[in-house]
Amino acid sequence: MTIHPHKKKIAWVSGFLIGIAFLGYGLFQSRNIIMGPQISLVTPTDGSSLTNSLVTISGKARNISFISLNDRPIFVDQQGNFNEELVLSPGYNSWTLRAKDKFGRTVSKQFGLVLRNS
């Protein structure tokens, strides 16, 4: 029994396309590992001038295994959201968010807030 040349070509092209699809899916699923840890600060914005000494820092962290605010561990929910209350000193206050993933890669984000006398 002989295989027709067109059937051989169709089988080869189909196998190639299936292989490309698996490779694409694997890259898509590993995008978070490739990108590393990420931090985004939602509120307040960097450089904000505030009159209330109590401020809530909120944001989102992705692909992390550990996160800290000025070297103090903070907690995130299942979606990666965090909310931390801080008491500001009069004048300029500087804060650093640091996050690390399970591979040891780190990212940090610095921001400053100004507490004005009311």
N, C-alpha and C. Protein backbone atom coordinates (compact mmCIF):
# COMPACT_ATOMS: atom_id res chain seq x y z
N MET A 1 0.84 -1.16 0.00
CA MET A 1 0.00 0.00 0.00
C MET A 1 0.89 1.24 0.00
N THR A 2 0.66 2.13 -0.91
CA THR A 2 1.47 3.34 -1.02
C THR A 2 0.67 4.55 -0.56
N ILE A 3 1.38 5.52 0.03
CA ILE A 3 0.75 6.75 0.50
C ILE A 3 0.88 7.79 -0.60
N HIS A 4 -0.21 8.40 -0.91
CA HIS A 4 -0.23 9.44 -1.94
C HIS A 4 0.64 10.62 -1.49
N PRO A 5 1.44 11.24 -2.39
CA PRO A 5 2.34 12.34 -2.00
C PRO A 5 1.61 13.52 -1.36
N HIS A 6 0.39 13.81 -1.78
CA HIS A 6 -0.34 14.94 -1.20
C HIS A 6 -0.73 14.66 0.25
N LYS A 7 -1.07 13.42 0.53
CA LYS A 7 -1.44 13.06 1.91
C LYS A 7 -0.23 13.19 2.83
N LYS A 8 0.95 12.85 2.30
CA LYS A 8 2.18 12.97 3.08
C LYS A 8 2.45 14.45 3.40
N LYS A 9 2.27 15.30 2.41
CA LYS A 9 2.49 16.74 2.61
C LYS A 9 1.49 17.32 3.60
N ILE A 10 0.24 16.92 3.49
CA ILE A 10 -0.80 17.40 4.40
C ILE A 10 -0.50 16.96 5.83
N ALA A 11 -0.07 15.71 6.00
CA ALA A 11 0.27 15.21 7.33
C ALA A 11 1.45 15.99 7.91
N TRP A 12 2.45 16.28 7.08
CA TRP A 12 3.62 17.02 7.55
C TRP A 12 3.25 18.45 7.95
N VAL A 13 2.47 19.14 7.13
CA VAL A 13 2.05 20.52 7.42
C VAL A 13 1.16 20.54 8.67
N SER A 14 0.26 19.58 8.80
CA SER A 14 -0.60 19.52 9.98
C SER A 14 0.24 19.32 11.24
N GLY A 15 1.19 18.43 11.20
CA GLY A 15 2.07 18.21 12.35
C GLY A 15 2.87 19.45 12.70
N PHE A 16 3.35 20.15 11.67
CA PHE A 16 4.09 21.40 11.90
C PHE A 16 3.21 22.44 12.57
N LEU A 17 1.98 22.62 12.09
CA LEU A 17 1.07 23.60 12.66
C LEU A 17 0.69 23.27 14.10
N ILE A 18 0.49 21.99 14.37
CA ILE A 18 0.18 21.57 15.74
C ILE A 18 1.38 21.84 16.66
N GLY A 19 2.58 21.59 16.17
CA GLY A 19 3.79 21.88 16.95
C GLY A 19 3.93 23.37 17.23
N ILE A 20 3.67 24.21 16.25
CA ILE A 20 3.72 25.66 16.44
C ILE A 20 2.67 26.10 17.45
N ALA A 21 1.48 25.52 17.38
CA ALA A 21 0.41 25.86 18.33
C ALA A 21 0.82 25.51 19.75
N PHE A 22 1.42 24.33 19.97
CA PHE A 22 1.88 23.93 21.30
C PHE A 22 2.98 24.87 21.80
N LEU A 23 3.90 25.23 20.92
CA LEU A 23 4.98 26.14 21.29
C LEU A 23 4.42 27.51 21.67
N GLY A 24 3.50 28.03 20.89
CA GLY A 24 2.87 29.31 21.18
C GLY A 24 2.12 29.29 22.50
N TYR A 25 1.39 28.22 22.75
CA TYR A 25 0.65 28.09 24.01
C TYR A 25 1.62 28.02 25.19
N GLY A 26 2.71 27.31 25.04
CA GLY A 26 3.70 27.22 26.12
C GLY A 26 4.33 28.57 26.42
N LEU A 27 4.65 29.32 25.39
CA LEU A 27 5.20 30.67 25.60
C LEU A 27 4.17 31.59 26.25
N PHE A 28 2.92 31.48 25.83
CA PHE A 28 1.86 32.30 26.42
C PHE A 28 1.71 31.99 27.91
N GLN A 29 1.72 30.73 28.28
CA GLN A 29 1.55 30.34 29.67
C GLN A 29 2.76 30.71 30.54
N SER A 30 3.94 30.81 29.94
CA SER A 30 5.14 31.12 30.71
C SER A 30 5.46 32.62 30.71
N ARG A 31 4.58 33.45 30.16
CA ARG A 31 4.84 34.89 30.07
C ARG A 31 5.08 35.51 31.45
N ASN A 32 4.35 35.06 32.47
CA ASN A 32 4.54 35.62 33.81
C ASN A 32 5.91 35.27 34.38
N ILE A 33 6.39 34.08 34.11
CA ILE A 33 7.71 33.68 34.58
C ILE A 33 8.78 34.49 33.85
N ILE A 34 8.60 34.70 32.57
CA ILE A 34 9.57 35.44 31.77
C ILE A 34 9.62 36.91 32.19
N MET A 35 8.47 37.51 32.47
CA MET A 35 8.40 38.93 32.79
C MET A 35 8.97 39.27 34.17
N GLY A 36 8.94 38.35 35.10
CA GLY A 36 9.45 38.61 36.43
C GLY A 36 8.46 39.37 37.29
N PRO A 37 8.90 39.80 38.49
CA PRO A 37 7.98 40.48 39.41
C PRO A 37 7.63 41.88 38.91
N GLN A 38 6.40 42.30 39.19
CA GLN A 38 5.93 43.62 38.79
C GLN A 38 5.16 44.26 39.94
N ILE A 39 5.34 45.57 40.11
CA ILE A 39 4.62 46.33 41.13
C ILE A 39 4.01 47.55 40.46
N SER A 40 2.75 47.81 40.76
CA SER A 40 2.14 49.07 40.31
C SER A 40 1.45 49.72 41.51
N LEU A 41 1.74 50.99 41.70
CA LEU A 41 1.17 51.77 42.80
C LEU A 41 -0.07 52.47 42.27
N VAL A 42 -1.22 52.26 42.91
CA VAL A 42 -2.48 52.85 42.46
C VAL A 42 -2.70 54.20 43.15
N THR A 43 -2.69 54.20 44.48
CA THR A 43 -2.85 55.44 45.24
C THR A 43 -1.89 55.45 46.41
N PRO A 44 -1.42 56.57 46.82
CA PRO A 44 -1.51 57.88 46.17
C PRO A 44 -0.46 57.98 45.08
N THR A 45 -0.52 59.02 44.28
CA THR A 45 0.46 59.20 43.23
C THR A 45 1.76 59.74 43.81
N ASP A 46 2.85 59.39 43.18
CA ASP A 46 4.17 59.83 43.63
C ASP A 46 4.23 61.35 43.65
N GLY A 47 4.73 61.90 44.75
CA GLY A 47 4.88 63.35 44.87
C GLY A 47 3.64 64.06 45.36
N SER A 48 2.62 63.32 45.77
CA SER A 48 1.38 63.94 46.24
C SER A 48 1.64 64.78 47.48
N SER A 49 0.89 65.85 47.60
CA SER A 49 0.95 66.71 48.77
C SER A 49 -0.35 66.49 49.55
N LEU A 50 -0.23 66.05 50.79
CA LEU A 50 -1.39 65.68 51.59
C LEU A 50 -1.47 66.53 52.86
N THR A 51 -2.69 66.63 53.40
CA THR A 51 -2.88 67.36 54.66
C THR A 51 -3.20 66.42 55.81
N ASN A 52 -3.57 65.18 55.51
CA ASN A 52 -3.89 64.19 56.54
C ASN A 52 -2.68 63.28 56.73
N SER A 53 -2.25 63.08 57.97
CA SER A 53 -1.05 62.28 58.22
C SER A 53 -1.29 60.78 58.00
N LEU A 54 -2.54 60.33 58.00
CA LEU A 54 -2.84 58.92 57.77
C LEU A 54 -3.17 58.73 56.29
N VAL A 55 -2.41 57.88 55.62
CA VAL A 55 -2.61 57.64 54.19
C VAL A 55 -2.63 56.13 53.93
N THR A 56 -3.44 55.71 52.97
CA THR A 56 -3.51 54.31 52.57
C THR A 56 -2.77 54.14 51.24
N ILE A 57 -1.77 53.27 51.26
CA ILE A 57 -1.00 52.92 50.06
C ILE A 57 -1.66 51.69 49.46
N SER A 58 -2.06 51.78 48.21
CA SER A 58 -2.67 50.61 47.57
C SER A 58 -2.08 50.42 46.18
N GLY A 59 -2.06 49.17 45.77
CA GLY A 59 -1.51 48.85 44.47
C GLY A 59 -1.69 47.39 44.14
N LYS A 60 -0.95 46.95 43.14
CA LYS A 60 -1.05 45.57 42.68
C LYS A 60 0.35 45.03 42.42
N ALA A 61 0.57 43.80 42.84
CA ALA A 61 1.84 43.12 42.61
C ALA A 61 1.55 41.82 41.85
N ARG A 62 2.40 41.54 40.86
CA ARG A 62 2.23 40.31 40.07
C ARG A 62 3.53 39.51 40.07
N ASN A 63 3.38 38.23 40.00
CA ASN A 63 4.50 37.29 39.88
C ASN A 63 5.49 37.43 41.04
N ILE A 64 4.99 37.55 42.25
CA ILE A 64 5.87 37.75 43.40
C ILE A 64 5.75 36.60 44.38
N SER A 65 6.80 36.41 45.17
CA SER A 65 6.74 35.49 46.29
C SER A 65 6.92 36.24 47.61
N PHE A 66 7.41 37.50 47.53
CA PHE A 66 7.62 38.32 48.73
C PHE A 66 7.54 39.79 48.34
N ILE A 67 6.91 40.59 49.21
CA ILE A 67 6.84 42.03 48.98
C ILE A 67 7.01 42.76 50.31
N SER A 68 7.68 43.92 50.25
CA SER A 68 7.88 44.70 51.47
C SER A 68 7.74 46.19 51.18
N LEU A 69 7.40 46.93 52.20
CA LEU A 69 7.32 48.38 52.14
C LEU A 69 8.30 48.91 53.16
N ASN A 70 9.36 49.58 52.71
CA ASN A 70 10.47 50.02 53.57
C ASN A 70 11.00 48.86 54.42
N ASP A 71 11.23 47.74 53.78
CA ASP A 71 11.79 46.52 54.38
C ASP A 71 10.88 45.87 55.42
N ARG A 72 9.61 46.24 55.46
CA ARG A 72 8.62 45.61 56.34
C ARG A 72 7.68 44.79 55.47
N PRO A 73 7.58 43.47 55.70
CA PRO A 73 6.71 42.63 54.86
C PRO A 73 5.26 43.15 54.86
N ILE A 74 4.64 43.12 53.70
CA ILE A 74 3.21 43.43 53.59
C ILE A 74 2.53 42.25 52.92
N PHE A 75 1.22 42.26 52.96
CA PHE A 75 0.46 41.12 52.44
C PHE A 75 -0.36 41.52 51.23
N VAL A 76 -0.53 40.56 50.34
CA VAL A 76 -1.35 40.75 49.14
C VAL A 76 -2.47 39.72 49.15
N ASP A 77 -3.59 40.05 48.50
CA ASP A 77 -4.68 39.09 48.40
C ASP A 77 -4.45 38.15 47.21
N GLN A 78 -5.41 37.31 46.91
CA GLN A 78 -5.27 36.31 45.84
C GLN A 78 -5.03 36.94 44.47
N GLN A 79 -5.55 38.16 44.26
CA GLN A 79 -5.38 38.84 42.98
C GLN A 79 -4.11 39.69 42.94
N GLY A 80 -3.37 39.77 44.04
CA GLY A 80 -2.14 40.54 44.09
C GLY A 80 -2.32 41.97 44.58
N ASN A 81 -3.52 42.32 45.04
CA ASN A 81 -3.77 43.67 45.55
C ASN A 81 -3.23 43.83 46.96
N PHE A 82 -2.72 45.02 47.26
CA PHE A 82 -2.27 45.32 48.62
C PHE A 82 -2.79 46.68 49.06
N ASN A 83 -3.02 46.81 50.36
CA ASN A 83 -3.45 48.06 51.00
C ASN A 83 -2.73 48.17 52.33
N GLU A 84 -1.99 49.23 52.52
CA GLU A 84 -1.25 49.46 53.76
C GLU A 84 -1.49 50.88 54.24
N GLU A 85 -1.78 51.03 55.52
CA GLU A 85 -1.95 52.36 56.09
C GLU A 85 -0.63 52.83 56.68
N LEU A 86 -0.31 54.09 56.40
CA LEU A 86 0.94 54.68 56.89
C LEU A 86 0.64 55.99 57.59
N VAL A 87 1.47 56.31 58.57
CA VAL A 87 1.40 57.61 59.23
C VAL A 87 2.60 58.42 58.73
N LEU A 88 2.31 59.55 58.14
CA LEU A 88 3.35 60.39 57.57
C LEU A 88 3.90 61.37 58.61
N SER A 89 5.17 61.69 58.48
CA SER A 89 5.80 62.73 59.28
C SER A 89 5.64 64.05 58.53
N PRO A 90 5.67 65.18 59.23
CA PRO A 90 5.59 66.46 58.52
C PRO A 90 6.73 66.60 57.52
N GLY A 91 6.43 67.16 56.35
CA GLY A 91 7.45 67.33 55.33
C GLY A 91 7.44 66.18 54.33
N TYR A 92 8.62 65.92 53.75
CA TYR A 92 8.76 64.91 52.71
C TYR A 92 8.97 63.53 53.32
N ASN A 93 8.23 62.54 52.82
CA ASN A 93 8.34 61.15 53.26
C ASN A 93 8.68 60.29 52.05
N SER A 94 9.70 59.46 52.18
CA SER A 94 10.13 58.60 51.09
C SER A 94 9.86 57.14 51.46
N TRP A 95 9.32 56.39 50.48
CA TRP A 95 8.97 54.98 50.70
C TRP A 95 9.49 54.15 49.54
N THR A 96 9.81 52.89 49.85
CA THR A 96 10.27 51.96 48.82
C THR A 96 9.50 50.66 48.91
N LEU A 97 8.88 50.29 47.80
CA LEU A 97 8.24 48.98 47.67
C LEU A 97 9.23 48.06 46.99
N ARG A 98 9.46 46.87 47.55
CA ARG A 98 10.35 45.87 46.94
C ARG A 98 9.60 44.55 46.83
N ALA A 99 9.80 43.89 45.71
CA ALA A 99 9.18 42.58 45.50
C ALA A 99 10.21 41.63 44.91
N LYS A 100 10.04 40.36 45.25
CA LYS A 100 10.95 39.32 44.77
C LYS A 100 10.11 38.15 44.27
N ASP A 101 10.55 37.51 43.18
CA ASP A 101 9.85 36.32 42.71
C ASP A 101 10.55 35.07 43.21
N LYS A 102 10.01 33.91 42.87
CA LYS A 102 10.56 32.66 43.38
C LYS A 102 11.91 32.30 42.77
N PHE A 103 12.34 33.06 41.74
CA PHE A 103 13.65 32.83 41.14
C PHE A 103 14.71 33.80 41.64
N GLY A 104 14.32 34.66 42.61
CA GLY A 104 15.27 35.60 43.19
C GLY A 104 15.37 36.93 42.46
N ARG A 105 14.61 37.12 41.40
CA ARG A 105 14.63 38.40 40.70
C ARG A 105 13.85 39.43 41.52
N THR A 106 14.36 40.65 41.58
CA THR A 106 13.73 41.68 42.39
C THR A 106 13.38 42.90 41.55
N VAL A 107 12.43 43.65 42.07
CA VAL A 107 12.04 44.92 41.48
C VAL A 107 11.70 45.85 42.64
N SER A 108 11.99 47.14 42.49
CA SER A 108 11.64 48.09 43.53
C SER A 108 11.05 49.34 42.90
N LYS A 109 10.21 50.01 43.67
CA LYS A 109 9.56 51.23 43.23
C LYS A 109 9.61 52.21 44.38
N GLN A 110 10.21 53.37 44.15
CA GLN A 110 10.29 54.41 45.18
C GLN A 110 9.24 55.47 44.89
N PHE A 111 8.68 56.01 45.96
CA PHE A 111 7.74 57.11 45.81
C PHE A 111 7.84 58.00 47.04
N GLY A 112 7.45 59.24 46.86
CA GLY A 112 7.52 60.22 47.93
C GLY A 112 6.18 60.91 48.11
N LEU A 113 5.90 61.27 49.36
CA LEU A 113 4.68 62.00 49.70
C LEU A 113 5.07 63.17 50.60
N VAL A 114 4.33 64.26 50.47
CA VAL A 114 4.60 65.45 51.27
C VAL A 114 3.40 65.68 52.18
N LEU A 115 3.68 65.80 53.49
CA LEU A 115 2.64 66.13 54.45
C LEU A 115 2.76 67.61 54.77
N ARG A 116 1.73 68.36 54.37
CA ARG A 116 1.69 69.80 54.63
C ARG A 116 0.97 70.05 55.93
N ASN A 117 1.36 71.08 56.61
CA ASN A 117 0.62 71.51 57.81
C ASN A 117 -0.68 72.15 57.36
N SER A 118 -1.78 71.75 57.99
CA SER A 118 -3.08 72.28 57.57
C SER A 118 -3.39 73.61 58.18
